[in-house]
N, C-alpha and C. Protein backbone atom coordinates (compact mmCIF):
# COMPACT_ATOMS: atom_id res chain seq x y z
N UNK A 1 4.53 4.04 -24.70
CA UNK A 1 4.14 2.68 -24.39
C UNK A 1 3.15 2.71 -23.23
N UNK A 2 2.14 1.88 -23.28
CA UNK A 2 1.20 1.76 -22.18
C UNK A 2 1.02 0.28 -21.85
N UNK A 3 0.60 0.02 -20.63
CA UNK A 3 0.41 -1.36 -20.18
C UNK A 3 -0.72 -1.38 -19.16
N UNK A 4 -1.67 -2.27 -19.33
CA UNK A 4 -2.80 -2.40 -18.40
C UNK A 4 -2.73 -3.77 -17.73
N UNK A 5 -3.14 -3.81 -16.46
CA UNK A 5 -3.19 -5.07 -15.72
C UNK A 5 -4.50 -5.13 -14.94
N UNK A 6 -4.91 -6.34 -14.60
CA UNK A 6 -6.06 -6.54 -13.73
C UNK A 6 -5.54 -6.72 -12.31
N UNK A 7 -5.72 -5.73 -11.46
CA UNK A 7 -5.21 -5.78 -10.09
C UNK A 7 -5.79 -6.98 -9.33
N UNK A 8 -7.10 -7.29 -9.44
CA UNK A 8 -7.63 -8.45 -8.70
C UNK A 8 -7.02 -9.78 -9.13
N UNK A 9 -6.50 -9.87 -10.35
CA UNK A 9 -5.96 -11.13 -10.84
C UNK A 9 -4.47 -11.33 -10.52
N UNK A 10 -3.83 -10.36 -9.89
CA UNK A 10 -2.40 -10.48 -9.60
C UNK A 10 -2.15 -11.58 -8.58
N UNK A 11 -1.02 -12.28 -8.72
CA UNK A 11 -0.64 -13.37 -7.83
C UNK A 11 0.38 -12.87 -6.82
N UNK A 12 0.38 -13.46 -5.63
CA UNK A 12 1.34 -13.12 -4.58
C UNK A 12 0.64 -12.55 -3.37
N UNK A 13 1.07 -12.98 -2.18
CA UNK A 13 0.47 -12.53 -0.93
C UNK A 13 1.55 -12.16 0.07
N UNK A 14 1.49 -11.12 0.85
CA UNK A 14 0.46 -10.10 0.77
C UNK A 14 0.71 -9.09 -0.35
N UNK A 15 1.91 -9.12 -0.95
CA UNK A 15 2.24 -8.16 -2.00
C UNK A 15 2.28 -8.83 -3.36
N UNK A 16 1.84 -8.12 -4.38
CA UNK A 16 1.95 -8.58 -5.77
C UNK A 16 2.42 -7.40 -6.59
N UNK A 17 3.48 -7.60 -7.35
CA UNK A 17 4.04 -6.53 -8.19
C UNK A 17 3.04 -6.17 -9.29
N UNK A 18 2.70 -4.90 -9.40
CA UNK A 18 1.84 -4.42 -10.48
C UNK A 18 2.74 -3.92 -11.60
N UNK A 19 3.54 -2.93 -11.29
CA UNK A 19 4.54 -2.39 -12.21
C UNK A 19 5.83 -2.25 -11.42
N UNK A 20 6.93 -2.80 -11.93
CA UNK A 20 8.19 -2.78 -11.21
C UNK A 20 9.18 -1.75 -11.72
N UNK A 21 8.92 -1.20 -12.88
CA UNK A 21 9.83 -0.23 -13.47
C UNK A 21 9.27 1.17 -13.31
N UNK A 22 10.16 2.18 -13.33
CA UNK A 22 9.70 3.56 -13.13
C UNK A 22 9.09 3.68 -11.76
N UNK A 23 8.00 4.42 -11.61
CA UNK A 23 7.30 4.37 -10.32
C UNK A 23 6.79 2.94 -10.11
N UNK A 24 7.24 2.32 -9.05
CA UNK A 24 6.88 0.93 -8.74
C UNK A 24 5.49 0.89 -8.10
N UNK A 25 4.69 -0.10 -8.44
CA UNK A 25 3.36 -0.25 -7.86
C UNK A 25 3.17 -1.70 -7.43
N UNK A 26 2.59 -1.90 -6.25
CA UNK A 26 2.28 -3.24 -5.76
C UNK A 26 0.85 -3.27 -5.25
N UNK A 27 0.27 -4.46 -5.31
CA UNK A 27 -1.04 -4.68 -4.69
C UNK A 27 -0.79 -5.30 -3.33
N UNK A 28 -1.38 -4.73 -2.30
CA UNK A 28 -1.27 -5.24 -0.94
C UNK A 28 -2.62 -5.82 -0.54
N UNK A 29 -2.63 -7.08 -0.12
CA UNK A 29 -3.86 -7.72 0.32
C UNK A 29 -3.62 -8.27 1.72
N UNK A 30 -4.46 -7.85 2.69
CA UNK A 30 -4.34 -8.28 4.07
C UNK A 30 -5.67 -8.83 4.57
N UNK A 31 -5.60 -9.89 5.38
CA UNK A 31 -6.78 -10.41 6.04
C UNK A 31 -7.10 -9.53 7.25
N UNK A 32 -8.32 -9.63 7.76
CA UNK A 32 -8.71 -8.89 8.96
C UNK A 32 -7.74 -9.20 10.09
N UNK A 33 -7.24 -8.16 10.73
CA UNK A 33 -6.32 -8.32 11.84
C UNK A 33 -4.86 -8.45 11.45
N UNK A 34 -4.58 -8.62 10.17
CA UNK A 34 -3.20 -8.78 9.72
C UNK A 34 -2.49 -7.43 9.68
N UNK A 35 -1.21 -7.45 10.08
CA UNK A 35 -0.39 -6.24 10.14
C UNK A 35 0.91 -6.47 9.39
N UNK A 36 1.39 -5.44 8.71
CA UNK A 36 2.72 -5.46 8.12
C UNK A 36 3.63 -4.76 9.12
N UNK A 37 4.71 -5.44 9.57
CA UNK A 37 5.60 -4.82 10.56
C UNK A 37 6.14 -3.48 10.07
N UNK A 38 6.45 -2.62 11.03
CA UNK A 38 6.98 -1.29 10.72
C UNK A 38 8.21 -1.40 9.81
N UNK A 39 8.22 -0.59 8.77
CA UNK A 39 9.32 -0.58 7.80
C UNK A 39 9.38 0.78 7.12
N UNK A 40 10.38 0.96 6.24
CA UNK A 40 10.58 2.23 5.54
C UNK A 40 10.78 1.98 4.05
N UNK A 41 10.55 3.01 3.26
CA UNK A 41 10.80 2.99 1.81
C UNK A 41 11.64 4.21 1.47
N UNK A 42 12.91 4.22 1.93
CA UNK A 42 13.74 5.41 1.77
C UNK A 42 13.90 5.84 0.32
N UNK A 43 13.92 7.17 0.13
CA UNK A 43 14.13 7.73 -1.20
C UNK A 43 12.90 7.75 -2.08
N UNK A 44 11.73 7.41 -1.50
CA UNK A 44 10.48 7.37 -2.27
C UNK A 44 9.41 8.22 -1.62
N UNK A 45 8.55 8.79 -2.46
CA UNK A 45 7.25 9.27 -1.99
C UNK A 45 6.32 8.10 -2.21
N UNK A 46 5.41 7.87 -1.27
CA UNK A 46 4.54 6.70 -1.33
C UNK A 46 3.08 7.15 -1.37
N UNK A 47 2.31 6.52 -2.23
CA UNK A 47 0.87 6.74 -2.31
C UNK A 47 0.19 5.41 -2.05
N UNK A 48 -0.66 5.35 -1.04
CA UNK A 48 -1.41 4.15 -0.69
C UNK A 48 -2.88 4.43 -0.94
N UNK A 49 -3.51 3.62 -1.78
CA UNK A 49 -4.93 3.79 -2.13
C UNK A 49 -5.68 2.53 -1.72
N UNK A 50 -6.71 2.68 -0.89
CA UNK A 50 -7.50 1.54 -0.43
C UNK A 50 -8.56 1.23 -1.49
N UNK A 51 -8.37 0.09 -2.15
CA UNK A 51 -9.30 -0.36 -3.18
C UNK A 51 -10.57 -0.89 -2.53
N UNK A 52 -10.38 -1.64 -1.44
CA UNK A 52 -11.51 -2.25 -0.74
C UNK A 52 -11.09 -2.58 0.68
N UNK A 53 -11.93 -2.25 1.65
CA UNK A 53 -11.66 -2.62 3.03
C UNK A 53 -11.44 -1.44 3.95
N UNK A 54 -10.78 -1.73 5.08
CA UNK A 54 -10.51 -0.72 6.11
C UNK A 54 -9.11 -0.97 6.66
N UNK A 55 -8.29 0.06 6.64
CA UNK A 55 -6.88 -0.07 6.96
C UNK A 55 -6.44 1.07 7.88
N UNK A 56 -5.89 0.72 9.04
CA UNK A 56 -5.27 1.72 9.90
C UNK A 56 -3.79 1.71 9.55
N UNK A 57 -3.26 2.85 9.15
CA UNK A 57 -1.87 2.93 8.72
C UNK A 57 -1.13 3.93 9.59
N UNK A 58 -0.12 3.42 10.30
CA UNK A 58 0.71 4.26 11.15
C UNK A 58 1.91 4.74 10.34
N UNK A 59 2.13 6.06 10.33
CA UNK A 59 3.30 6.65 9.70
C UNK A 59 3.99 7.49 10.77
N UNK A 60 5.18 7.06 11.18
CA UNK A 60 5.92 7.73 12.25
C UNK A 60 5.05 7.95 13.48
N UNK A 61 4.23 6.95 13.82
CA UNK A 61 3.41 7.00 15.03
C UNK A 61 2.06 7.67 14.87
N UNK A 62 1.82 8.34 13.75
CA UNK A 62 0.52 8.97 13.50
C UNK A 62 -0.36 7.98 12.74
N UNK A 63 -1.52 7.62 13.32
CA UNK A 63 -2.40 6.62 12.71
C UNK A 63 -3.44 7.29 11.82
N UNK A 64 -3.55 6.76 10.60
CA UNK A 64 -4.53 7.24 9.62
C UNK A 64 -5.54 6.11 9.41
N UNK A 65 -6.82 6.40 9.67
CA UNK A 65 -7.88 5.42 9.46
C UNK A 65 -8.40 5.58 8.03
N UNK A 66 -8.15 4.58 7.20
CA UNK A 66 -8.50 4.64 5.78
C UNK A 66 -9.56 3.61 5.44
N UNK A 67 -10.51 3.99 4.60
CA UNK A 67 -11.55 3.08 4.13
C UNK A 67 -11.55 3.08 2.60
N UNK A 68 -12.36 2.21 2.02
CA UNK A 68 -12.47 2.10 0.57
C UNK A 68 -12.55 3.49 -0.08
N UNK A 69 -11.66 3.73 -1.04
CA UNK A 69 -11.66 4.99 -1.76
C UNK A 69 -10.72 6.04 -1.19
N UNK A 70 -10.18 5.82 0.02
CA UNK A 70 -9.26 6.78 0.62
C UNK A 70 -7.85 6.58 0.08
N UNK A 71 -7.08 7.66 0.04
CA UNK A 71 -5.68 7.62 -0.37
C UNK A 71 -4.84 8.33 0.68
N UNK A 72 -3.64 7.84 0.89
CA UNK A 72 -2.69 8.42 1.83
C UNK A 72 -1.36 8.59 1.11
N UNK A 73 -0.81 9.79 1.18
CA UNK A 73 0.51 10.05 0.60
C UNK A 73 1.46 10.34 1.76
N UNK A 74 2.67 9.73 1.71
CA UNK A 74 3.63 9.97 2.78
C UNK A 74 5.06 9.80 2.27
N UNK A 75 5.98 10.34 3.04
CA UNK A 75 7.41 10.26 2.75
C UNK A 75 7.89 8.86 3.15
N UNK A 76 8.48 8.15 2.22
CA UNK A 76 8.93 6.79 2.47
C UNK A 76 10.06 6.68 3.47
N UNK A 77 10.67 7.81 3.85
CA UNK A 77 11.71 7.78 4.87
C UNK A 77 11.10 7.55 6.25
N UNK A 78 9.79 7.77 6.39
CA UNK A 78 9.11 7.55 7.65
C UNK A 78 8.81 6.08 7.88
N UNK A 79 8.64 5.71 9.14
CA UNK A 79 8.31 4.32 9.50
C UNK A 79 6.81 4.10 9.31
N UNK A 80 6.46 3.10 8.50
CA UNK A 80 5.06 2.82 8.18
C UNK A 80 4.69 1.40 8.60
N UNK A 81 3.44 1.23 9.06
CA UNK A 81 2.92 -0.08 9.41
C UNK A 81 1.41 -0.10 9.21
N UNK A 82 0.93 -0.79 8.15
CA UNK A 82 -0.52 -0.91 7.95
C UNK A 82 -1.10 -2.08 8.75
N UNK A 83 -2.34 -1.89 9.23
CA UNK A 83 -3.06 -2.92 9.98
C UNK A 83 -4.49 -2.99 9.44
N UNK A 84 -4.89 -4.16 8.95
CA UNK A 84 -6.23 -4.32 8.36
C UNK A 84 -7.27 -4.55 9.44
N UNK A 85 -8.31 -3.76 9.44
CA UNK A 85 -9.44 -3.93 10.37
C UNK A 85 -10.47 -4.90 9.81
N UNK A 86 -10.40 -5.13 8.50
CA UNK A 86 -11.24 -6.11 7.80
C UNK A 86 -10.44 -6.53 6.57
N UNK A 87 -10.87 -7.56 5.84
CA UNK A 87 -10.11 -7.92 4.64
C UNK A 87 -9.94 -6.69 3.75
N UNK A 88 -8.70 -6.42 3.36
CA UNK A 88 -8.39 -5.17 2.67
C UNK A 88 -7.47 -5.41 1.48
N UNK A 89 -7.75 -4.70 0.40
CA UNK A 89 -6.88 -4.66 -0.77
C UNK A 89 -6.51 -3.20 -1.01
N UNK A 90 -5.21 -2.95 -1.18
CA UNK A 90 -4.74 -1.59 -1.42
C UNK A 90 -3.74 -1.61 -2.57
N UNK A 91 -3.62 -0.48 -3.24
CA UNK A 91 -2.61 -0.29 -4.28
C UNK A 91 -1.60 0.69 -3.72
N UNK A 92 -0.32 0.30 -3.76
CA UNK A 92 0.75 1.13 -3.21
C UNK A 92 1.71 1.51 -4.35
N UNK A 93 1.93 2.82 -4.52
CA UNK A 93 2.80 3.32 -5.58
C UNK A 93 4.01 3.98 -4.92
N UNK A 94 5.21 3.59 -5.36
CA UNK A 94 6.47 4.13 -4.86
C UNK A 94 7.09 4.99 -5.96
N UNK A 95 7.17 6.28 -5.72
CA UNK A 95 7.72 7.22 -6.70
C UNK A 95 9.10 7.67 -6.23
N UNK A 96 10.16 7.23 -6.90
CA UNK A 96 11.50 7.65 -6.49
C UNK A 96 11.65 9.17 -6.57
N UNK A 97 12.34 9.73 -5.57
CA UNK A 97 12.60 11.16 -5.57
C UNK A 97 13.84 11.47 -6.36
């Protein structure tokens, strides 16, 4: 079975569910200066892909400066907090371990 979606057309702010079953995927959209408070995704490996924009993402205190086309993979047991430096859209995939 396959399923395609249009990520730009998804509803919900700042998160919109892309795929909720199996590896879960969400679209994250943040305005310039907007931050998601520090949180964790225990039991998952996480892949964050910047579709458009600029995002500083702190993982356990280490800041990663990401721009359009960059991807970041991290252990969901770590504390993560993304901060948009400009309007940003990202795709986040949660792969259960």
